[in-house]
PDB file of N, CA and C in Angstrom:
ATOM      1  N   UNK A   1       0.821  -1.160   0.000  1.00  0.00           N
ATOM      2  CA  UNK A   1       0.000   0.000   0.000  1.00  0.00           C
ATOM      3  C   UNK A   1       0.881   1.245   0.000  1.00  0.00           C
ATOM      4  N   UNK A   2       0.492   2.245  -0.864  1.00  0.00           N
ATOM      5  CA  UNK A   2       1.274   3.475  -0.978  1.00  0.00           C
ATOM      6  C   UNK A   2       0.641   4.566  -0.148  1.00  0.00           C
ATOM      7  N   UNK A   3       1.499   5.252   0.553  1.00  0.00           N
ATOM      8  CA  UNK A   3       1.027   6.396   1.326  1.00  0.00           C
ATOM      9  C   UNK A   3       1.185   7.651   0.484  1.00  0.00           C
ATOM     10  N   UNK A   4       0.166   8.428   0.421  1.00  0.00           N
ATOM     11  CA  UNK A   4       0.184   9.674  -0.345  1.00  0.00           C
ATOM     12  C   UNK A   4       0.343  10.821   0.631  1.00  0.00           C
ATOM     13  N   UNK A   5       1.383  11.634   0.434  1.00  0.00           N
ATOM     14  CA  UNK A   5       1.636  12.759   1.325  1.00  0.00           C
ATOM     15  C   UNK A   5       0.863  13.968   0.829  1.00  0.00           C
ATOM     16  N   UNK A   6      -0.092  14.391   1.616  1.00  0.00           N
ATOM     17  CA  UNK A   6      -0.871  15.570   1.232  1.00  0.00           C
ATOM     18  C   UNK A   6       0.001  16.824   1.230  1.00  0.00           C
ATOM     19  N   UNK A   7       0.957  16.857   2.134  1.00  0.00           N
ATOM     20  CA  UNK A   7       1.857  17.993   2.179  1.00  0.00           C
ATOM     21  C   UNK A   7       2.697  18.050   0.907  1.00  0.00           C
ATOM     22  N   UNK A   8       3.229  16.956   0.461  1.00  0.00           N
ATOM     23  CA  UNK A   8       4.017  16.893  -0.764  1.00  0.00           C
ATOM     24  C   UNK A   8       3.177  17.233  -1.993  1.00  0.00           C
ATOM     25  N   UNK A   9       1.934  16.735  -2.004  1.00  0.00           N
ATOM     26  CA  UNK A   9       1.022  17.038  -3.105  1.00  0.00           C
ATOM     27  C   UNK A   9       0.715  18.538  -3.145  1.00  0.00           C
ATOM     28  N   UNK A  10       0.507  19.149  -2.002  1.00  0.00           N
ATOM     29  CA  UNK A  10       0.218  20.574  -1.944  1.00  0.00           C
ATOM     30  C   UNK A  10       1.423  21.392  -2.395  1.00  0.00           C
ATOM     31  N   UNK A  11       2.613  21.003  -1.978  1.00  0.00           N
ATOM     32  CA  UNK A  11       3.830  21.720  -2.382  1.00  0.00           C
ATOM     33  C   UNK A  11       4.046  21.591  -3.889  1.00  0.00           C
ATOM     34  N   UNK A  12       3.875  20.385  -4.424  1.00  0.00           N
ATOM     35  CA  UNK A  12       4.034  20.169  -5.871  1.00  0.00           C
ATOM     36  C   UNK A  12       3.023  20.972  -6.676  1.00  0.00           C
ATOM     37  N   UNK A  13       1.778  20.978  -6.205  1.00  0.00           N
ATOM     38  CA  UNK A  13       0.733  21.754  -6.891  1.00  0.00           C
ATOM     39  C   UNK A  13       1.046  23.242  -6.848  1.00  0.00           C
ATOM     40  N   UNK A  14       1.528  23.726  -5.724  1.00  0.00           N
ATOM     41  CA  UNK A  14       1.862  25.141  -5.590  1.00  0.00           C
ATOM     42  C   UNK A  14       3.006  25.522  -6.518  1.00  0.00           C
ATOM     43  N   UNK A  15       3.988  24.629  -6.668  1.00  0.00           N
ATOM     44  CA  UNK A  15       5.119  24.898  -7.577  1.00  0.00           C
ATOM     45  C   UNK A  15       4.632  24.974  -9.022  1.00  0.00           C
ATOM     46  N   UNK A  16       3.789  24.013  -9.414  1.00  0.00           N
ATOM     47  CA  UNK A  16       3.259  24.013 -10.786  1.00  0.00           C
ATOM     48  C   UNK A  16       2.424  25.258 -11.029  1.00  0.00           C
ATOM     49  N   UNK A  17       1.522  25.583 -10.108  1.00  0.00           N
ATOM     50  CA  UNK A  17       0.674  26.759 -10.260  1.00  0.00           C
ATOM     51  C   UNK A  17       1.519  28.034 -10.304  1.00  0.00           C
ATOM     52  N   UNK A  18       2.538  28.120  -9.443  1.00  0.00           N
ATOM     53  CA  UNK A  18       3.432  29.279  -9.460  1.00  0.00           C
ATOM     54  C   UNK A  18       4.158  29.409 -10.786  1.00  0.00           C
ATOM     55  N   UNK A  19       4.600  28.286 -11.339  1.00  0.00           N
ATOM     56  CA  UNK A  19       5.275  28.319 -12.639  1.00  0.00           C
ATOM     57  C   UNK A  19       4.358  28.797 -13.758  1.00  0.00           C
ATOM     58  N   UNK A  20       3.111  28.314 -13.754  1.00  0.00           N
ATOM     59  CA  UNK A  20       2.131  28.732 -14.769  1.00  0.00           C
ATOM     60  C   UNK A  20       1.857  30.224 -14.641  1.00  0.00           C
ATOM     61  N   UNK A  21       1.634  30.703 -13.419  1.00  0.00           N
ATOM     62  CA  UNK A  21       1.354  32.124 -13.219  1.00  0.00           C
ATOM     63  C   UNK A  21       2.551  32.996 -13.601  1.00  0.00           C
ATOM     64  N   UNK A  22       3.756  32.550 -13.262  1.00  0.00           N
ATOM     65  CA  UNK A  22       4.955  33.305 -13.640  1.00  0.00           C
ATOM     66  C   UNK A  22       5.105  33.353 -15.159  1.00  0.00           C
ATOM     67  N   UNK A  23       4.835  32.245 -15.840  1.00  0.00           N
ATOM     68  CA  UNK A  23       4.919  32.211 -17.308  1.00  0.00           C
ATOM     69  C   UNK A  23       3.920  33.168 -17.936  1.00  0.00           C
ATOM     70  N   UNK A  24       2.699  33.182 -17.412  1.00  0.00           N
ATOM     71  CA  UNK A  24       1.686  34.096 -17.944  1.00  0.00           C
ATOM     72  C   UNK A  24       2.075  35.556 -17.701  1.00  0.00           C
ATOM     73  N   UNK A  25       2.635  35.846 -16.542  1.00  0.00           N
ATOM     74  CA  UNK A  25       3.046  37.216 -16.231  1.00  0.00           C
ATOM     75  C   UNK A  25       4.176  37.662 -17.151  1.00  0.00           C
ATOM     76  N   UNK A  26       5.139  36.812 -17.391  1.00  0.00           N
ATOM     77  CA  UNK A  26       6.258  37.148 -18.279  1.00  0.00           C
ATOM     78  C   UNK A  26       5.766  37.311 -19.719  1.00  0.00           C
ATOM     79  N   UNK A  27       4.872  36.425 -20.162  1.00  0.00           N
ATOM     80  CA  UNK A  27       4.324  36.526 -21.518  1.00  0.00           C
ATOM     81  C   UNK A  27       3.567  37.840 -21.686  1.00  0.00           C
ATOM     82  N   UNK A  28       2.861  38.259 -20.652  1.00  0.00           N
ATOM     83  CA  UNK A  28       2.101  39.516 -20.743  1.00  0.00           C
ATOM     84  C   UNK A  28       3.031  40.718 -20.882  1.00  0.00           C
ATOM     85  N   UNK A  29       4.207  40.651 -20.273  1.00  0.00           N
ATOM     86  CA  UNK A  29       5.168  41.745 -20.384  1.00  0.00           C
ATOM     87  C   UNK A  29       5.683  41.911 -21.815  1.00  0.00           C
ATOM     88  N   UNK A  30       5.854  40.823 -22.513  1.00  0.00           N
ATOM     89  CA  UNK A  30       6.446  40.860 -23.847  1.00  0.00           C
ATOM     90  C   UNK A  30       5.433  40.800 -24.983  1.00  0.00           C
ATOM     91  N   UNK A  31       4.197  40.554 -24.677  1.00  0.00           N
ATOM     92  CA  UNK A  31       3.177  40.422 -25.722  1.00  0.00           C
ATOM     93  C   UNK A  31       2.811  41.787 -26.280  1.00  0.00           C
ATOM     94  N   UNK A  32       2.621  41.841 -27.588  1.00  0.00           N
ATOM     95  CA  UNK A  32       2.166  43.053 -28.255  1.00  0.00           C
ATOM     96  C   UNK A  32       0.771  42.805 -28.806  1.00  0.00           C
ATOM     97  N   UNK A  33      -0.029  43.853 -28.902  1.00  0.00           N
ATOM     98  CA  UNK A  33      -1.367  43.657 -29.469  1.00  0.00           C
ATOM     99  C   UNK A  33      -1.273  43.204 -30.925  1.00  0.00           C
ATOM    100  N   UNK A  34      -2.161  42.360 -31.309  1.00  0.00           N
ATOM    101  CA  UNK A  34      -2.201  41.841 -32.672  1.00  0.00           C
ATOM    102  C   UNK A  34      -3.236  42.628 -33.453  1.00  0.00           C
ATOM    103  N   UNK A  35      -2.832  43.114 -34.633  1.00  0.00           N
ATOM    104  CA  UNK A  35      -3.788  43.827 -35.472  1.00  0.00           C
ATOM    105  C   UNK A  35      -4.707  42.819 -36.139  1.00  0.00           C
ATOM    106  N   UNK A  36      -5.972  43.126 -36.116  1.00  0.00           N
ATOM    107  CA  UNK A  36      -6.952  42.228 -36.709  1.00  0.00           C
ATOM    108  C   UNK A  36      -7.043  42.528 -38.197  1.00  0.00           C
ATOM    109  N   UNK A  37      -6.958  41.490 -39.000  1.00  0.00           N
ATOM    110  CA  UNK A  37      -7.032  41.641 -40.454  1.00  0.00           C
ATOM    111  C   UNK A  37      -8.440  42.067 -40.861  1.00  0.00           C
ATOM    112  N   UNK A  38      -8.546  42.783 -41.972  1.00  0.00           N
ATOM    113  CA  UNK A  38      -9.883  43.161 -42.445  1.00  0.00           C
ATOM    114  C   UNK A  38     -10.686  41.914 -42.804  1.00  0.00           C
ATOM    115  N   UNK A  39     -11.982  42.026 -42.789  1.00  0.00           N
ATOM    116  CA  UNK A  39     -12.809  40.852 -43.100  1.00  0.00           C
ATOM    117  C   UNK A  39     -12.551  40.358 -44.522  1.00  0.00           C
ATOM    118  N   UNK A  40     -12.688  39.065 -44.724  1.00  0.00           N
ATOM    119  CA  UNK A  40     -12.453  38.467 -46.034  1.00  0.00           C
ATOM    120  C   UNK A  40     -13.620  38.707 -46.986  1.00  0.00           C
ATOM    121  N   UNK A  41     -14.749  39.055 -46.455  1.00  0.00           N
ATOM    122  CA  UNK A  41     -15.912  39.328 -47.286  1.00  0.00           C
ATOM    123  C   UNK A  41     -16.151  40.830 -47.333  1.00  0.00           C
ATOM    124  N   UNK A  42     -16.764  41.326 -48.385  1.00  0.00           N
ATOM    125  CA  UNK A  42     -17.001  42.767 -48.466  1.00  0.00           C
ATOM    126  C   UNK A  42     -18.002  43.220 -47.408  1.00  0.00           C
ATOM    127  N   UNK A  43     -17.762  44.398 -46.879  1.00  0.00           N
ATOM    128  CA  UNK A  43     -18.677  44.976 -45.908  1.00  0.00           C
ATOM    129  C   UNK A  43     -19.716  45.762 -46.687  1.00  0.00           C
ATOM    130  N   UNK A  44     -20.964  45.460 -46.449  1.00  0.00           N
ATOM    131  CA  UNK A  44     -22.031  46.116 -47.195  1.00  0.00           C
ATOM    132  C   UNK A  44     -22.214  47.551 -46.723  1.00  0.00           C
ATOM    133  N   UNK A  45     -22.463  48.421 -47.677  1.00  0.00           N
ATOM    134  CA  UNK A  45     -22.692  49.823 -47.360  1.00  0.00           C
ATOM    135  C   UNK A  45     -24.145  50.017 -46.972  1.00  0.00           C
ATOM    136  N   UNK A  46     -24.370  50.934 -46.045  1.00  0.00           N
ATOM    137  CA  UNK A  46     -25.749  51.204 -45.640  1.00  0.00           C
ATOM    138  C   UNK A  46     -26.419  52.204 -46.581  1.00  0.00           C
ATOM    139  N   UNK A  47     -25.615  53.075 -47.208  1.00  0.00           N
ATOM    140  CA  UNK A  47     -26.168  54.074 -48.123  1.00  0.00           C
ATOM    141  C   UNK A  47     -25.227  54.229 -49.313  1.00  0.00           C
ATOM    142  N   UNK A  48     -25.199  53.246 -50.242  1.00  0.00           N
ATOM    143  CA  UNK A  48     -24.221  53.295 -51.329  1.00  0.00           C
ATOM    144  C   UNK A  48     -24.338  54.533 -52.220  1.00  0.00           C
ATOM    145  N   UNK A  49     -25.544  55.004 -52.487  1.00  0.00           N
ATOM    146  CA  UNK A  49     -25.693  56.195 -53.345  1.00  0.00           C
ATOM    147  C   UNK A  49     -25.082  57.425 -52.677  1.00  0.00           C
ATOM    148  N   UNK A  50     -25.337  57.588 -51.390  1.00  0.00           N
ATOM    149  CA  UNK A  50     -24.763  58.727 -50.666  1.00  0.00           C
ATOM    150  C   UNK A  50     -23.247  58.597 -50.584  1.00  0.00           C
ATOM    151  N   UNK A  51     -22.746  57.383 -50.349  1.00  0.00           N
ATOM    152  CA  UNK A  51     -21.299  57.167 -50.276  1.00  0.00           C
ATOM    153  C   UNK A  51     -20.641  57.499 -51.608  1.00  0.00           C
ATOM    154  N   UNK A  52     -21.246  57.082 -52.711  1.00  0.00           N
ATOM    155  CA  UNK A  52     -20.678  57.347 -54.027  1.00  0.00           C
ATOM    156  C   UNK A  52     -20.717  58.843 -54.339  1.00  0.00           C
ATOM    157  N   UNK A  53     -21.821  59.493 -53.982  1.00  0.00           N
ATOM    158  CA  UNK A  53     -21.935  60.935 -54.219  1.00  0.00           C
ATOM    159  C   UNK A  53     -20.867  61.688 -53.418  1.00  0.00           C
ATOM    160  N   UNK A  54     -20.655  61.288 -52.202  1.00  0.00           N
ATOM    161  CA  UNK A  54     -19.625  61.919 -51.373  1.00  0.00           C
ATOM    162  C   UNK A  54     -18.235  61.676 -51.966  1.00  0.00           C
ATOM    163  N   UNK A  55     -17.979  60.467 -52.429  1.00  0.00           N
ATOM    164  CA  UNK A  55     -16.703  60.131 -53.056  1.00  0.00           C
ATOM    165  C   UNK A  55     -16.478  61.006 -54.286  1.00  0.00           C
ATOM    166  N   UNK A  56     -17.512  61.146 -55.131  1.00  0.00           N
ATOM    167  CA  UNK A  56     -17.396  61.964 -56.345  1.00  0.00           C
ATOM    168  C   UNK A  56     -17.141  63.430 -56.011  1.00  0.00           C
ATOM    169  N   UNK A  57     -17.826  63.961 -54.986  1.00  0.00           N
ATOM    170  CA  UNK A  57     -17.611  65.362 -54.581  1.00  0.00           C
ATOM    171  C   UNK A  57     -16.166  65.567 -54.132  1.00  0.00           C
ATOM    172  N   UNK A  58     -15.645  64.637 -53.350  1.00  0.00           N
ATOM    173  CA  UNK A  58     -14.271  64.759 -52.873  1.00  0.00           C
ATOM    174  C   UNK A  58     -13.277  64.740 -54.034  1.00  0.00           C
ATOM    175  N   UNK A  59     -13.457  63.811 -54.965  1.00  0.00           N
ATOM    176  CA  UNK A  59     -12.547  63.717 -56.105  1.00  0.00           C
ATOM    177  C   UNK A  59     -12.669  64.942 -57.001  1.00  0.00           C
ATOM    178  N   UNK A  60     -13.877  65.447 -57.201  1.00  0.00           N
ATOM    179  CA  UNK A  60     -14.074  66.642 -58.025  1.00  0.00           C
ATOM    180  C   UNK A  60     -13.397  67.838 -57.365  1.00  0.00           C
ATOM    181  N   UNK A  61     -13.517  67.953 -56.046  1.00  0.00           N
ATOM    182  CA  UNK A  61     -12.856  69.033 -55.313  1.00  0.00           C
ATOM    183  C   UNK A  61     -11.344  68.952 -55.513  1.00  0.00           C
ATOM    184  N   UNK A  62     -10.779  67.732 -55.439  1.00  0.00           N
ATOM    185  CA  UNK A  62      -9.341  67.583 -55.637  1.00  0.00           C
ATOM    186  C   UNK A  62      -8.924  67.986 -57.051  1.00  0.00           C
ATOM    187  N   UNK A  63      -9.764  67.706 -58.045  1.00  0.00           N
ATOM    188  CA  UNK A  63      -9.438  68.057 -59.428  1.00  0.00           C
ATOM    189  C   UNK A  63      -9.510  69.562 -59.678  1.00  0.00           C
ATOM    190  N   UNK A  64     -10.293  70.271 -58.882  1.00  0.00           N
ATOM    191  CA  UNK A  64     -10.543  71.687 -59.159  1.00  0.00           C
ATOM    192  C   UNK A  64      -9.909  72.646 -58.152  1.00  0.00           C
ATOM    193  N   UNK A  65      -9.093  72.145 -57.221  1.00  0.00           N
ATOM    194  CA  UNK A  65      -8.591  73.038 -56.181  1.00  0.00           C
ATOM    195  C   UNK A  65      -7.099  72.853 -55.941  1.00  0.00           C
ATOM    196  N   UNK A  66      -6.547  73.817 -55.201  1.00  0.00           N
ATOM    197  CA  UNK A  66      -5.167  73.730 -54.752  1.00  0.00           C
ATOM    198  C   UNK A  66      -5.180  73.106 -53.360  1.00  0.00           C
ATOM    199  N   UNK A  67      -4.132  72.375 -53.027  1.00  0.00           N
ATOM    200  CA  UNK A  67      -4.061  71.815 -51.681  1.00  0.00           C
ATOM    201  C   UNK A  67      -2.714  71.155 -51.425  1.00  0.00           C
ATOM    202  N   UNK A  68      -2.390  71.021 -50.167  1.00  0.00           N
ATOM    203  CA  UNK A  68      -1.120  70.405 -49.772  1.00  0.00           C
ATOM    204  C   UNK A  68      -1.345  68.924 -49.509  1.00  0.00           C
ATOM    205  N   UNK A  69      -0.431  68.104 -50.055  1.00  0.00           N
ATOM    206  CA  UNK A  69      -0.465  66.663 -49.819  1.00  0.00           C
ATOM    207  C   UNK A  69       0.424  66.334 -48.624  1.00  0.00           C
ATOM    208  N   UNK A  70       1.664  66.835 -48.645  1.00  0.00           N
ATOM    209  CA  UNK A  70       2.588  66.721 -47.516  1.00  0.00           C
ATOM    210  C   UNK A  70       3.531  67.910 -47.578  1.00  0.00           C
ATOM    211  N   UNK A  71       4.634  67.885 -46.834  1.00  0.00           N
ATOM    212  CA  UNK A  71       5.518  69.055 -46.753  1.00  0.00           C
ATOM    213  C   UNK A  71       6.108  69.460 -48.096  1.00  0.00           C
ATOM    214  N   UNK A  72       6.337  68.502 -48.978  1.00  0.00           N
ATOM    215  CA  UNK A  72       7.008  68.837 -50.237  1.00  0.00           C
ATOM    216  C   UNK A  72       6.133  68.637 -51.474  1.00  0.00           C
ATOM    217  N   UNK A  73       4.867  68.303 -51.300  1.00  0.00           N
ATOM    218  CA  UNK A  73       3.984  68.076 -52.448  1.00  0.00           C
ATOM    219  C   UNK A  73       2.641  68.774 -52.237  1.00  0.00           C
ATOM    220  N   UNK A  74       2.116  69.271 -53.347  1.00  0.00           N
ATOM    221  CA  UNK A  74       0.781  69.852 -53.308  1.00  0.00           C
ATOM    222  C   UNK A  74       0.070  69.514 -54.612  1.00  0.00           C
ATOM    223  N   UNK A  75      -1.253  69.628 -54.599  1.00  0.00           N
ATOM    224  CA  UNK A  75      -1.980  69.381 -55.840  1.00  0.00           C
ATOM    225  C   UNK A  75      -2.527  70.706 -56.358  1.00  0.00           C
ATOM    226  N   UNK A  76      -2.665  70.753 -57.679  1.00  0.00           N
ATOM    227  CA  UNK A  76      -3.192  71.951 -58.330  1.00  0.00           C
ATOM    228  C   UNK A  76      -4.382  71.518 -59.174  1.00  0.00           C
ATOM    229  N   UNK A  77      -5.237  72.462 -59.565  1.00  0.00           N
ATOM    230  CA  UNK A  77      -6.390  72.106 -60.396  1.00  0.00           C
ATOM    231  C   UNK A  77      -5.934  71.460 -61.707  1.00  0.00           C
ATOM    232  N   UNK A  78      -6.687  70.528 -62.199  1.00  0.00           N
ATOM    233  CA  UNK A  78      -6.336  69.780 -63.410  1.00  0.00           C
ATOM    234  C   UNK A  78      -6.189  70.714 -64.607  1.00  0.00           C
ATOM    235  N   UNK A  79      -7.044  71.732 -64.689  1.00  0.00           N
ATOM    236  CA  UNK A  79      -6.949  72.686 -65.811  1.00  0.00           C
ATOM    237  C   UNK A  79      -5.606  73.415 -65.783  1.00  0.00           C
ATOM    238  N   UNK A  80      -5.174  73.826 -64.599  1.00  0.00           N
ATOM    239  CA  UNK A  80      -3.889  74.509 -64.457  1.00  0.00           C
ATOM    240  C   UNK A  80      -2.739  73.567 -64.815  1.00  0.00           C
ATOM    241  N   UNK A  81      -2.833  72.336 -64.379  1.00  0.00           N
ATOM    242  CA  UNK A  81      -1.782  71.357 -64.677  1.00  0.00           C
ATOM    243  C   UNK A  81      -1.670  71.125 -66.180  1.00  0.00           C
ATOM    244  N   UNK A  82      -2.814  70.990 -66.852  1.00  0.00           N
ATOM    245  CA  UNK A  82      -2.789  70.776 -68.309  1.00  0.00           C
ATOM    246  C   UNK A  82      -2.245  72.017 -69.021  1.00  0.00           C
ATOM    247  N   UNK A  83      -2.590  73.215 -68.560  1.00  0.00           N
ATOM    248  CA  UNK A  83      -2.088  74.449 -69.165  1.00  0.00           C
ATOM    249  C   UNK A  83      -0.569  74.527 -69.035  1.00  0.00           C
ATOM    250  N   UNK A  84      -0.042  74.212 -67.852  1.00  0.00           N
ATOM    251  CA  UNK A  84       1.405  74.245 -67.634  1.00  0.00           C
ATOM    252  C   UNK A  84       2.108  73.192 -68.480  1.00  0.00           C
ATOM    253  N   UNK A  85       1.520  72.026 -68.577  1.00  0.00           N
ATOM    254  CA  UNK A  85       2.109  70.955 -69.368  1.00  0.00           C
ATOM    255  C   UNK A  85       2.145  71.347 -70.851  1.00  0.00           C
ATOM    256  N   UNK A  86       1.066  71.935 -71.352  1.00  0.00           N
ATOM    257  CA  UNK A  86       1.020  72.347 -72.754  1.00  0.00           C
ATOM    258  C   UNK A  86       2.007  73.480 -73.029  1.00  0.00           C
ATOM    259  N   UNK A  87       2.178  74.364 -72.072  1.00  0.00           N
ATOM    260  CA  UNK A  87       3.093  75.492 -72.227  1.00  0.00           C
ATOM    261  C   UNK A  87       4.541  75.027 -72.314  1.00  0.00           C
ATOM    262  N   UNK A  88       4.896  73.961 -71.603  1.00  0.00           N
ATOM    263  CA  UNK A  88       6.266  73.436 -71.606  1.00  0.00           C
ATOM    264  C   UNK A  88       6.628  72.725 -72.907  1.00  0.00           C
ATOM    265  N   UNK A  89       5.671  72.367 -73.693  1.00  0.00           N
ATOM    266  CA  UNK A  89       5.976  71.614 -74.930  1.00  0.00           C
ATOM    267  C   UNK A  89       6.251  72.500 -76.075  1.00  0.00           C
TER     268      UNK A  89
END
């Protein structure tokens, strides 16, 4: 007959549990958030006509106006760009 030591079982369990908790704590220190990929299926629009109209207005504004893209680039109206291009030829 085998005698089971409850004290030994408790100490062994505490060591295992301590190791698991320490591993989780260390993993949490080094873990970085994971970016979630976009869905594989298309997301349906709630108002496609309004979205398209807004898209067209934005693009038309870009074609007809001056604006800064970044520190070293800007956009000019398409008519002005074509005039400058024709003048250089």
